[in-house]
Every structure is written in C-alpha cells, then in structure tokens.
Amino acid sequence: MVRQERDIGAVDLLSVLKGGVLTLTLNRPEARNALTDGMLDALEGELSRAESSAEVRCIVLRGSGKAFCAGGDVKSMEAVLQGDVWIEDRIRWQRGVQRATAGKLFRMPKPTLAVINGPAAGAGLSLALSCDLRLMAQSAFLLTAFTTVGLSGDFGVTYFLSQVLGSAKARQMMFLSDRVSAAEALELGLVNWCCEPDDLIDKANAIAARLAAGPSTAFGYMKENLNRAMNTEVDDCMDLEATHHIHCMATSDHREGVAAFIEKRAPEFGKCRSLK
C-alpha cells in the first residue's frame, strides 16, 4: 500500500497510513507532546475513522522528538481553571474524550501498539497502557506524575495499572510517583519489549507489519475475549470464546489459514472481506 499522509487539520497530531498500519504521532516535541484539547479532539477523530476503515489493520501510537507524552498540558489546565467553565460541563467533556481515545484504543477490534521513545507520564502513560502492546526504548521511563500536580489520575490509568500490576503495586506507582525504568517496566509486565533507542523504529515497524498481516477478524474477537476476561465469570468468558471462535471459522482468513497449512506455505490474510 502506498504511504498516505492525511491532512487532519491539526499540526499537533500526524497521521500516516502505510501497508495497513496507521501511525499516529503526537507532535508537540517542544512541550514533550503534552496533550491539549485540540490534540485529543484530533486523536478522537482519527481513531473513530480507523475503527471503521477496512484499510487500517493496526494502529501505532508514538511521540515525536525525545518524549512519548508528558501527559496533560499543565499551563492549559490553569487556563481552564481561570476561565468561565462549569465543572459539570468539563466532566462531561472529559468523560467523552477519555472513552473516545484511551477507551477506543483499548476496545477497538484492531491491534494497537504504543511505541515509547521517551518519558510517558500522567495521561501519556494512560494512553500507552490502553494499547494492546508496548515497545519501549531502554532510555525511556514511565511515571504516573499525578501527585505532583495534585490530581487523582485520568484516561484509565487506575484501571490499566490495576489490571497489569495488581492493586498493591498500582497504589505504589500512583501514590509515590517514582520513575519506572525500561528494565523495571519489562520485569513488571508494563511493556512487552525493550530495545536500544536506535533500534526502536525498525522493531516497531516489524511488529506492526506482523499485526497488519494477521487475521483481522480473529484479532478483533481475541481482543474482545481478553477484555471481557478481565471482568467476567469463567463460564461467561468461555461462552463468548465459543461464539467468536465459530464466527472466525466462517471467514476467508480462516479458509486461507487452513489452505496454507495444507499447502505448507505462509498464509496471506486480508485479501478478501470476511463473510457475515
């Protein structure tokens, strides 16, 4: 597929589609890619389009410059506090944008990969954790950071940390806000891979290409199964798995996988639309 760069009307977010991989780059390097309302609105729009686009088979989220994302823009927070904004209006907006960004990355039936090139703090950490997989440069670090500005945490950080680490370790990270190195993050299971900074892009491209070449319908069902398994009874989880498994058997991807197995070759997924 030809590389496609979309003008999304927001210089703070770059969007490139190539080979089924949509790469979304947070692009405020001078502010360590701190999130603004405009950036979040643009991210919401791109994720919504990606979810319904047959061309997009994998989403990569990364940051430009030397950081992944420093979280919310503290200066803009001050402006909100000083402006004529009703708290309830802001709560409604915050709930909506969280569901449409971190929530969308977590729920959408396509694999998502966070490429952590530098610090991921606050809501930036939340966005990274909302992705299915995480690749981290050995020079990067993770930080909850909310205590430093007297906030309790947003964009799903408490949910994601508790799921990955368990309650005790999640509380430690939230309360004390110590830096977590790449080596510690890998040991804790917060990231899937670590590599040298110079190797980060090549490794990310290789992982994303594998995901984009995979069986998209099966990936979507796998993701829903795994998400449901976090908060459901085992019988309910197995019932859902059975439903999704049989649905997968009716797809062209499954038929291609069987044919490739019999013919002793690598499967080529995604050439036909799945049957409904």
C-alpha atoms as a PDB file:
ATOM      1  CA  MET A   1       0.000   0.000   0.000  1.00  0.00           C
ATOM      2  CA  VAL A   2       1.229   3.467  -0.864  1.00  0.00           C
ATOM      3  CA  ARG A   3       2.122   5.709   2.027  1.00  0.00           C
ATOM      4  CA  GLN A   4      -0.799   8.062   2.708  1.00  0.00           C
ATOM      5  CA  GLU A   5      -0.387  11.200   4.788  1.00  0.00           C
ATOM      6  CA  ARG A   6      -3.708  12.787   5.749  1.00  0.00           C
ATOM      7  CA  ASP A   7      -4.184  16.475   6.398  1.00  0.00           C
ATOM      8  CA  ILE A   8      -6.308  16.266   9.539  1.00  0.00           C
ATOM      9  CA  GLY A   9      -6.167  19.977  10.240  1.00  0.00           C
ATOM     10  CA  ALA A  10      -4.099  19.554  13.390  1.00  0.00           C
ATOM     11  CA  VAL A  11      -0.340  20.029  13.337  1.00  0.00           C
ATOM     12  CA  ASP A  12      -0.189  18.580  16.859  1.00  0.00           C
ATOM     13  CA  LEU A  13      -1.140  15.133  15.529  1.00  0.00           C
ATOM     14  CA  LEU A  14       0.324  13.457  12.442  1.00  0.00           C
ATOM     15  CA  SER A  15      -1.458  10.618  10.669  1.00  0.00           C
ATOM     16  CA  VAL A  16       0.197   8.246   8.174  1.00  0.00           C
ATOM     17  CA  LEU A  17      -1.247   5.055   6.691  1.00  0.00           C
ATOM     18  CA  LYS A  18       1.112   2.579   5.054  1.00  0.00           C
ATOM     19  CA  GLY A  19       0.727  -1.141   4.467  1.00  0.00           C
ATOM     20  CA  GLY A  20      -2.351  -1.385   6.670  1.00  0.00           C
ATOM     21  CA  VAL A  21      -0.553   0.321   9.582  1.00  0.00           C
ATOM     22  CA  LEU A  22      -1.928   3.667  10.755  1.00  0.00           C
ATOM     23  CA  THR A  23       0.762   5.585  12.627  1.00  0.00           C
ATOM     24  CA  LEU A  24      -0.490   8.419  14.819  1.00  0.00           C
ATOM     25  CA  THR A  25       2.243  10.705  16.124  1.00  0.00           C
ATOM     26  CA  LEU A  26       1.706  13.130  18.987  1.00  0.00           C
ATOM     27  CA  ASN A  27       3.510  16.163  17.635  1.00  0.00           C
ATOM     28  CA  ARG A  28       4.325  18.811  20.239  1.00  0.00           C
ATOM     29  CA  PRO A  29       8.017  17.998  20.780  1.00  0.00           C
ATOM     30  CA  GLU A  30       8.705  21.414  22.292  1.00  0.00           C
ATOM     31  CA  ALA A  31       6.247  20.521  25.097  1.00  0.00           C
ATOM     32  CA  ARG A  32       7.170  16.826  25.329  1.00  0.00           C
ATOM     33  CA  ASN A  33       3.938  16.116  23.433  1.00  0.00           C
ATOM     34  CA  ALA A  34       1.769  17.302  26.312  1.00  0.00           C
ATOM     35  CA  LEU A  35      -1.905  16.821  25.474  1.00  0.00           C
ATOM     36  CA  THR A  36      -4.143  19.713  24.531  1.00  0.00           C
ATOM     37  CA  ASP A  37      -7.890  19.703  23.896  1.00  0.00           C
ATOM     38  CA  GLY A  38      -7.205  20.145  20.175  1.00  0.00           C
ATOM     39  CA  MET A  39      -4.779  17.225  20.059  1.00  0.00           C
ATOM     40  CA  LEU A  40      -7.252  14.985  21.878  1.00  0.00           C
ATOM     41  CA  ASP A  41     -10.075  16.004  19.537  1.00  0.00           C
ATOM     42  CA  ALA A  42      -7.881  15.163  16.534  1.00  0.00           C
ATOM     43  CA  LEU A  43      -6.878  11.824  18.068  1.00  0.00           C
ATOM     44  CA  GLU A  44     -10.542  11.047  18.732  1.00  0.00           C
ATOM     45  CA  GLY A  45     -11.397  11.702  15.087  1.00  0.00           C
ATOM     46  CA  GLU A  46      -8.551   9.587  13.704  1.00  0.00           C
ATOM     47  CA  LEU A  47      -9.335   6.638  15.968  1.00  0.00           C
ATOM     48  CA  SER A  48     -13.005   6.782  15.026  1.00  0.00           C
ATOM     49  CA  ARG A  49     -12.138   6.682  11.318  1.00  0.00           C
ATOM     50  CA  ALA A  50      -9.576   3.940  11.860  1.00  0.00           C
ATOM     51  CA  GLU A  51     -12.055   1.711  13.647  1.00  0.00           C
ATOM     52  CA  SER A  52     -14.409   1.665  10.664  1.00  0.00           C
ATOM     53  CA  SER A  53     -11.789   1.642   7.884  1.00  0.00           C
ATOM     54  CA  ALA A  54     -11.025  -1.669   6.163  1.00  0.00           C
ATOM     55  CA  GLU A  55      -7.662  -0.228   5.114  1.00  0.00           C
ATOM     56  CA  VAL A  56      -6.488   0.120   8.722  1.00  0.00           C
ATOM     57  CA  ARG A  57      -5.413  -3.216  10.203  1.00  0.00           C
ATOM     58  CA  CYS A  58      -3.132  -1.989  13.013  1.00  0.00           C
ATOM     59  CA  ILE A  59      -2.702   1.312  14.889  1.00  0.00           C
ATOM     60  CA  VAL A  60       0.653   2.583  16.165  1.00  0.00           C
ATOM     61  CA  LEU A  61       0.766   5.453  18.665  1.00  0.00           C
ATOM     62  CA  ARG A  62       4.048   7.279  19.154  1.00  0.00           C
ATOM     63  CA  GLY A  63       5.512  10.634  20.126  1.00  0.00           C
ATOM     64  CA  SER A  64       7.771  12.982  18.192  1.00  0.00           C
ATOM     65  CA  GLY A  65      11.083  14.281  19.485  1.00  0.00           C
ATOM     66  CA  LYS A  66      12.503  12.954  22.745  1.00  0.00           C
ATOM     67  CA  ALA A  67       9.277  12.099  24.606  1.00  0.00           C
ATOM     68  CA  PHE A  68       6.276   9.859  24.161  1.00  0.00           C
ATOM     69  CA  CYS A  69       3.864  12.095  26.063  1.00  0.00           C
ATOM     70  CA  ALA A  70       4.217  14.182  29.230  1.00  0.00           C
ATOM     71  CA  GLY A  71       0.501  13.938  29.996  1.00  0.00           C
ATOM     72  CA  GLY A  72      -1.844  16.903  30.212  1.00  0.00           C
ATOM     73  CA  ASP A  73      -0.606  20.399  29.468  1.00  0.00           C
ATOM     74  CA  VAL A  74      -0.384  21.978  32.936  1.00  0.00           C
ATOM     75  CA  LYS A  75      -0.490  25.514  31.515  1.00  0.00           C
ATOM     76  CA  SER A  76      -3.752  24.786  29.719  1.00  0.00           C
ATOM     77  CA  MET A  77      -5.137  23.294  32.944  1.00  0.00           C
ATOM     78  CA  GLU A  78      -4.535  26.628  34.628  1.00  0.00           C
ATOM     79  CA  ALA A  79      -6.352  28.422  31.816  1.00  0.00           C
ATOM     80  CA  VAL A  80      -9.356  26.135  32.221  1.00  0.00           C
ATOM     81  CA  LEU A  81      -9.474  26.814  35.953  1.00  0.00           C
ATOM     82  CA  GLN A  82      -9.355  30.564  35.402  1.00  0.00           C
ATOM     83  CA  GLY A  83     -11.951  30.523  32.614  1.00  0.00           C
ATOM     84  CA  ASP A  84     -15.729  30.561  32.852  1.00  0.00           C
ATOM     85  CA  VAL A  85     -16.172  26.781  32.682  1.00  0.00           C
ATOM     86  CA  TRP A  86     -18.804  24.874  34.628  1.00  0.00           C
ATOM     87  CA  ILE A  87     -17.323  21.848  36.376  1.00  0.00           C
ATOM     88  CA  GLU A  88     -20.135  19.584  35.189  1.00  0.00           C
ATOM     89  CA  ASP A  89     -19.567  20.657  31.565  1.00  0.00           C
ATOM     90  CA  ARG A  90     -15.880  19.847  31.873  1.00  0.00           C
ATOM     91  CA  ILE A  91     -16.655  16.472  33.453  1.00  0.00           C
ATOM     92  CA  ARG A  92     -18.942  15.585  30.537  1.00  0.00           C
ATOM     93  CA  TRP A  93     -16.260  16.599  28.040  1.00  0.00           C
ATOM     94  CA  GLN A  94     -13.552  14.677  29.918  1.00  0.00           C
ATOM     95  CA  ARG A  95     -15.653  11.527  30.096  1.00  0.00           C
ATOM     96  CA  GLY A  96     -16.378  11.689  26.400  1.00  0.00           C
ATOM     97  CA  VAL A  97     -12.822  12.307  25.246  1.00  0.00           C
ATOM     98  CA  GLN A  98     -11.398   9.600  27.541  1.00  0.00           C
ATOM     99  CA  ARG A  99     -13.760   6.997  26.100  1.00  0.00           C
ATOM    100  CA  ALA A 100     -13.020   8.137  22.556  1.00  0.00           C
ATOM    101  CA  THR A 101      -9.211   7.983  22.934  1.00  0.00           C
ATOM    102  CA  ALA A 102      -7.832   5.646  25.623  1.00  0.00           C
ATOM    103  CA  GLY A 103     -11.108   3.730  25.703  1.00  0.00           C
ATOM    104  CA  LYS A 104     -11.153   3.429  21.916  1.00  0.00           C
ATOM    105  CA  LEU A 105      -7.559   2.165  21.775  1.00  0.00           C
ATOM    106  CA  PHE A 106      -8.448  -0.458  24.380  1.00  0.00           C
ATOM    107  CA  ARG A 107     -11.782  -1.556  22.884  1.00  0.00           C
ATOM    108  CA  MET A 108     -11.469  -1.263  19.117  1.00  0.00           C
ATOM    109  CA  PRO A 109     -11.282  -4.640  17.305  1.00  0.00           C
ATOM    110  CA  LYS A 110      -7.835  -3.945  15.856  1.00  0.00           C
ATOM    111  CA  PRO A 111      -4.413  -4.412  17.462  1.00  0.00           C
ATOM    112  CA  THR A 112      -2.810  -1.273  18.874  1.00  0.00           C
ATOM    113  CA  LEU A 113       0.874  -0.698  19.636  1.00  0.00           C
ATOM    114  CA  ALA A 114       2.413   2.093  21.733  1.00  0.00           C
ATOM    115  CA  VAL A 115       5.996   2.950  20.795  1.00  0.00           C
ATOM    116  CA  ILE A 116       7.514   4.622  23.862  1.00  0.00           C
ATOM    117  CA  ASN A 117      10.563   6.542  22.692  1.00  0.00           C
ATOM    118  CA  GLY A 118      10.907   8.706  25.801  1.00  0.00           C
ATOM    119  CA  PRO A 119       9.080   9.663  29.008  1.00  0.00           C
ATOM    120  CA  ALA A 120       5.443   8.562  29.261  1.00  0.00           C
ATOM    121  CA  ALA A 121       3.871  10.389  32.175  1.00  0.00           C
ATOM    122  CA  GLY A 122       0.394  11.060  33.530  1.00  0.00           C
ATOM    123  CA  ALA A 123      -2.230  10.733  30.809  1.00  0.00           C
ATOM    124  CA  GLY A 124       0.596   9.851  28.417  1.00  0.00           C
ATOM    125  CA  LEU A 125       1.211   6.723  30.486  1.00  0.00           C
ATOM    126  CA  SER A 126      -2.531   6.053  30.413  1.00  0.00           C
ATOM    127  CA  LEU A 127      -2.614   6.192  26.611  1.00  0.00           C
ATOM    128  CA  ALA A 128       0.362   3.842  26.378  1.00  0.00           C
ATOM    129  CA  LEU A 129      -1.262   1.378  28.781  1.00  0.00           C
ATOM    130  CA  SER A 130      -4.538   1.489  26.852  1.00  0.00           C
ATOM    131  CA  CYS A 131      -2.785  -0.026  23.828  1.00  0.00           C
ATOM    132  CA  ASP A 132      -2.642  -3.801  23.438  1.00  0.00           C
ATOM    133  CA  LEU A 133       1.148  -3.936  23.166  1.00  0.00           C
ATOM    134  CA  ARG A 134       4.002  -1.667  24.198  1.00  0.00           C
ATOM    135  CA  LEU A 135       7.551  -1.308  22.894  1.00  0.00           C
ATOM    136  CA  MET A 136       9.893   0.852  24.954  1.00  0.00           C
ATOM    137  CA  ALA A 137      13.328   2.351  24.358  1.00  0.00           C
ATOM    138  CA  GLN A 138      15.816   1.458  27.066  1.00  0.00           C
ATOM    139  CA  SER A 139      16.437   5.179  27.676  1.00  0.00           C
ATOM    140  CA  ALA A 140      12.751   5.932  28.332  1.00  0.00           C
ATOM    141  CA  PHE A 141      10.866   5.852  31.617  1.00  0.00           C
ATOM    142  CA  LEU A 142       7.288   5.709  32.914  1.00  0.00           C
ATOM    143  CA  LEU A 143       5.811   7.989  35.564  1.00  0.00           C
ATOM    144  CA  THR A 144       2.308   8.425  36.957  1.00  0.00           C
ATOM    145  CA  ALA A 145       3.068  12.070  37.882  1.00  0.00           C
ATOM    146  CA  PHE A 146      -0.462  12.892  39.078  1.00  0.00           C
ATOM    147  CA  THR A 147       0.575  13.530  42.677  1.00  0.00           C
ATOM    148  CA  THR A 148       2.961  16.286  41.573  1.00  0.00           C
ATOM    149  CA  VAL A 149       0.016  18.368  40.370  1.00  0.00           C
ATOM    150  CA  GLY A 150      -2.482  17.202  42.972  1.00  0.00           C
ATOM    151  CA  LEU A 151      -4.626  15.115  40.632  1.00  0.00           C
ATOM    152  CA  SER A 152      -6.079  11.634  41.068  1.00  0.00           C
ATOM    153  CA  GLY A 153      -5.438  10.254  37.576  1.00  0.00           C
ATOM    154  CA  ASP A 154      -7.369  10.009  34.324  1.00  0.00           C
ATOM    155  CA  PHE A 155      -7.680   8.275  30.946  1.00  0.00           C
ATOM    156  CA  GLY A 156      -7.991   4.881  32.609  1.00  0.00           C
ATOM    157  CA  VAL A 157      -4.652   4.809  34.418  1.00  0.00           C
ATOM    158  CA  THR A 158      -6.071   3.281  37.608  1.00  0.00           C
ATOM    159  CA  TYR A 159      -7.866   0.546  35.647  1.00  0.00           C
ATOM    160  CA  PHE A 160      -4.916  -0.337  33.421  1.00  0.00           C
ATOM    161  CA  LEU A 161      -2.326  -0.275  36.203  1.00  0.00           C
ATOM    162  CA  SER A 162      -4.505  -2.428  38.456  1.00  0.00           C
ATOM    163  CA  GLN A 163      -5.065  -4.966  35.691  1.00  0.00           C
ATOM    164  CA  VAL A 164      -1.371  -5.249  34.833  1.00  0.00           C
ATOM    165  CA  LEU A 165       0.226  -4.907  38.266  1.00  0.00           C
ATOM    166  CA  GLY A 166      -2.425  -5.753  40.846  1.00  0.00           C
ATOM    167  CA  SER A 167      -3.788  -3.327  43.407  1.00  0.00           C
ATOM    168  CA  ALA A 168      -0.780  -3.021  45.745  1.00  0.00           C
ATOM    169  CA  LYS A 169       1.795  -2.164  43.089  1.00  0.00           C
ATOM    170  CA  ALA A 170      -0.652   0.119  41.285  1.00  0.00           C
ATOM    171  CA  ARG A 171      -1.165   2.051  44.526  1.00  0.00           C
ATOM    172  CA  GLN A 172       2.589   2.355  44.974  1.00  0.00           C
ATOM    173  CA  MET A 173       3.007   3.827  41.498  1.00  0.00           C
ATOM    174  CA  MET A 174       0.076   6.194  41.940  1.00  0.00           C
ATOM    175  CA  PHE A 175       0.894   7.381  45.469  1.00  0.00           C
ATOM    176  CA  LEU A 176       4.696   7.699  45.242  1.00  0.00           C
ATOM    177  CA  SER A 177       5.053   8.512  41.545  1.00  0.00           C
ATOM    178  CA  ASP A 178       8.558   7.103  41.265  1.00  0.00           C
ATOM    179  CA  ARG A 179      10.153   6.756  37.858  1.00  0.00           C
ATOM    180  CA  VAL A 180       9.955   3.266  36.360  1.00  0.00           C
ATOM    181  CA  SER A 181      12.883   2.425  34.097  1.00  0.00           C
ATOM    182  CA  ALA A 182      12.536   0.388  30.926  1.00  0.00           C
ATOM    183  CA  ALA A 183      14.166  -2.615  32.579  1.00  0.00           C
ATOM    184  CA  GLU A 184      11.769  -2.441  35.540  1.00  0.00           C
ATOM    185  CA  ALA A 185       8.787  -1.865  33.259  1.00  0.00           C
ATOM    186  CA  LEU A 186       9.665  -5.009  31.325  1.00  0.00           C
ATOM    187  CA  GLU A 187      10.083  -7.028  34.522  1.00  0.00           C
ATOM    188  CA  LEU A 188       6.726  -5.786  35.857  1.00  0.00           C
ATOM    189  CA  GLY A 189       4.931  -6.560  32.601  1.00  0.00           C
ATOM    190  CA  LEU A 190       4.103  -2.922  31.868  1.00  0.00           C
ATOM    191  CA  VAL A 191       5.745  -3.263  28.439  1.00  0.00           C
ATOM    192  CA  ASN A 192       6.244  -6.196  26.087  1.00  0.00           C
ATOM    193  CA  TRP A 193       9.652  -5.355  24.649  1.00  0.00           C
ATOM    194  CA  CYS A 194      12.610  -3.058  25.310  1.00  0.00           C
ATOM    195  CA  CYS A 195      15.324  -2.198  22.825  1.00  0.00           C
ATOM    196  CA  GLU A 196      18.091   0.270  22.125  1.00  0.00           C
ATOM    197  CA  PRO A 197      16.777   3.706  21.083  1.00  0.00           C
ATOM    198  CA  ASP A 198      18.370   3.420  17.643  1.00  0.00           C
ATOM    199  CA  ASP A 199      16.530   0.148  17.025  1.00  0.00           C
ATOM    200  CA  LEU A 200      13.118   1.384  18.175  1.00  0.00           C
ATOM    201  CA  ILE A 201      11.611   2.366  14.815  1.00  0.00           C
ATOM    202  CA  ASP A 202      12.783  -0.753  12.973  1.00  0.00           C
ATOM    203  CA  LYS A 203      11.446  -3.036  15.701  1.00  0.00           C
ATOM    204  CA  ALA A 204       8.166  -1.136  15.858  1.00  0.00           C
ATOM    205  CA  ASN A 205       7.755  -1.394  12.094  1.00  0.00           C
ATOM    206  CA  ALA A 206       8.435  -5.134  12.204  1.00  0.00           C
ATOM    207  CA  ILE A 207       5.867  -5.734  14.967  1.00  0.00           C
ATOM    208  CA  ALA A 208       3.246  -3.550  13.274  1.00  0.00           C
ATOM    209  CA  ALA A 209       3.784  -5.282   9.932  1.00  0.00           C
ATOM    210  CA  ARG A 210       3.187  -8.685  11.552  1.00  0.00           C
ATOM    211  CA  LEU A 211      -0.011  -7.424  13.147  1.00  0.00           C
ATOM    212  CA  ALA A 212      -1.251  -5.845   9.908  1.00  0.00           C
ATOM    213  CA  ALA A 213      -0.608  -9.103   8.053  1.00  0.00           C
ATOM    214  CA  GLY A 214      -2.556 -11.167  10.581  1.00  0.00           C
ATOM    215  CA  PRO A 215      -6.164 -12.423  10.583  1.00  0.00           C
ATOM    216  CA  SER A 216      -8.048  -9.220  11.373  1.00  0.00           C
ATOM    217  CA  THR A 217     -11.382 -10.794  12.304  1.00  0.00           C
ATOM    218  CA  ALA A 218      -9.736 -13.253  14.666  1.00  0.00           C
ATOM    219  CA  PHE A 219      -7.657 -10.446  16.206  1.00  0.00           C
ATOM    220  CA  GLY A 220     -10.808  -8.448  16.877  1.00  0.00           C
ATOM    221  CA  TYR A 221     -12.509 -11.367  18.589  1.00  0.00           C
ATOM    222  CA  MET A 222      -9.356 -12.262  20.537  1.00  0.00           C
ATOM    223  CA  LYS A 223      -9.207  -8.709  21.825  1.00  0.00           C
ATOM    224  CA  GLU A 224     -12.840  -8.719  22.928  1.00  0.00           C
ATOM    225  CA  ASN A 225     -12.369 -12.110  24.591  1.00  0.00           C
ATOM    226  CA  LEU A 226      -9.323 -10.873  26.501  1.00  0.00           C
ATOM    227  CA  ASN A 227     -11.016  -7.631  27.531  1.00  0.00           C
ATOM    228  CA  ARG A 228     -14.123  -9.470  28.735  1.00  0.00           C
ATOM    229  CA  ALA A 229     -11.960 -11.977  30.631  1.00  0.00           C
ATOM    230  CA  MET A 230     -10.756  -9.165  32.875  1.00  0.00           C
ATOM    231  CA  ASN A 231     -14.179  -8.709  34.432  1.00  0.00           C
ATOM    232  CA  THR A 232     -16.327 -11.754  33.887  1.00  0.00           C
ATOM    233  CA  GLU A 233     -17.002 -15.242  35.175  1.00  0.00           C
ATOM    234  CA  VAL A 234     -15.052 -18.061  33.540  1.00  0.00           C
ATOM    235  CA  ASP A 235     -18.195 -19.685  32.086  1.00  0.00           C
ATOM    236  CA  ASP A 236     -19.294 -16.398  30.512  1.00  0.00           C
ATOM    237  CA  CYS A 237     -15.799 -15.957  29.099  1.00  0.00           C
ATOM    238  CA  MET A 238     -15.803 -19.465  27.612  1.00  0.00           C
ATOM    239  CA  ASP A 239     -19.271 -18.931  26.114  1.00  0.00           C
ATOM    240  CA  LEU A 240     -18.076 -15.754  24.409  1.00  0.00           C
ATOM    241  CA  GLU A 241     -14.946 -17.539  23.184  1.00  0.00           C
ATOM    242  CA  ALA A 242     -17.078 -20.278  21.621  1.00  0.00           C
ATOM    243  CA  THR A 243     -19.275 -17.752  19.785  1.00  0.00           C
ATOM    244  CA  HIS A 244     -16.310 -15.833  18.425  1.00  0.00           C
ATOM    245  CA  HIS A 245     -14.374 -18.975  17.524  1.00  0.00           C
ATOM    246  CA  ILE A 246     -17.206 -20.280  15.344  1.00  0.00           C
ATOM    247  CA  HIS A 247     -17.631 -16.872  13.718  1.00  0.00           C
ATOM    248  CA  CYS A 248     -13.930 -16.953  12.813  1.00  0.00           C
ATOM    249  CA  MET A 249     -14.428 -20.307  11.110  1.00  0.00           C
ATOM    250  CA  ALA A 250     -16.764 -18.590   8.623  1.00  0.00           C
ATOM    251  CA  THR A 251     -14.149 -16.064   7.490  1.00  0.00           C
ATOM    252  CA  SER A 252     -11.922 -16.033   4.428  1.00  0.00           C
ATOM    253  CA  ASP A 253      -8.944 -15.614   6.761  1.00  0.00           C
ATOM    254  CA  HIS A 254      -9.696 -18.987   8.341  1.00  0.00           C
ATOM    255  CA  ARG A 255     -10.072 -20.672   4.965  1.00  0.00           C
ATOM    256  CA  GLU A 256      -6.781 -19.135   3.840  1.00  0.00           C
ATOM    257  CA  GLY A 257      -5.068 -20.330   7.026  1.00  0.00           C
ATOM    258  CA  VAL A 258      -6.299 -23.894   6.501  1.00  0.00           C
ATOM    259  CA  ALA A 259      -5.271 -23.863   2.838  1.00  0.00           C
ATOM    260  CA  ALA A 260      -1.827 -22.515   3.693  1.00  0.00           C
ATOM    261  CA  PHE A 261      -1.361 -25.179   6.365  1.00  0.00           C
ATOM    262  CA  ILE A 262      -2.256 -27.958   3.906  1.00  0.00           C
ATOM    263  CA  GLU A 263      -0.075 -26.442   1.191  1.00  0.00           C
ATOM    264  CA  LYS A 264       2.790 -25.874   3.646  1.00  0.00           C
ATOM    265  CA  ARG A 265       3.176 -22.165   2.935  1.00  0.00           C
ATOM    266  CA  ALA A 266       2.763 -18.904   4.843  1.00  0.00           C
ATOM    267  CA  PRO A 267      -0.830 -17.630   4.923  1.00  0.00           C
ATOM    268  CA  GLU A 268      -1.737 -14.364   3.216  1.00  0.00           C
ATOM    269  CA  PHE A 269      -4.517 -12.850   5.304  1.00  0.00           C
ATOM    270  CA  GLY A 270      -6.762  -9.932   4.485  1.00  0.00           C
ATOM    271  CA  LYS A 271      -7.183 -10.399   0.740  1.00  0.00           C
ATOM    272  CA  CYS A 272     -10.954 -10.902   0.963  1.00  0.00           C
ATOM    273  CA  ARG A 273     -13.617  -9.449   3.206  1.00  0.00           C
ATOM    274  CA  SER A 274     -14.871 -11.748   5.952  1.00  0.00           C
ATOM    275  CA  LEU A 275     -18.205 -13.449   5.446  1.00  0.00           C
ATOM    276  CA  LYS A 276     -21.062 -12.326   7.704  1.00  0.00           C
END
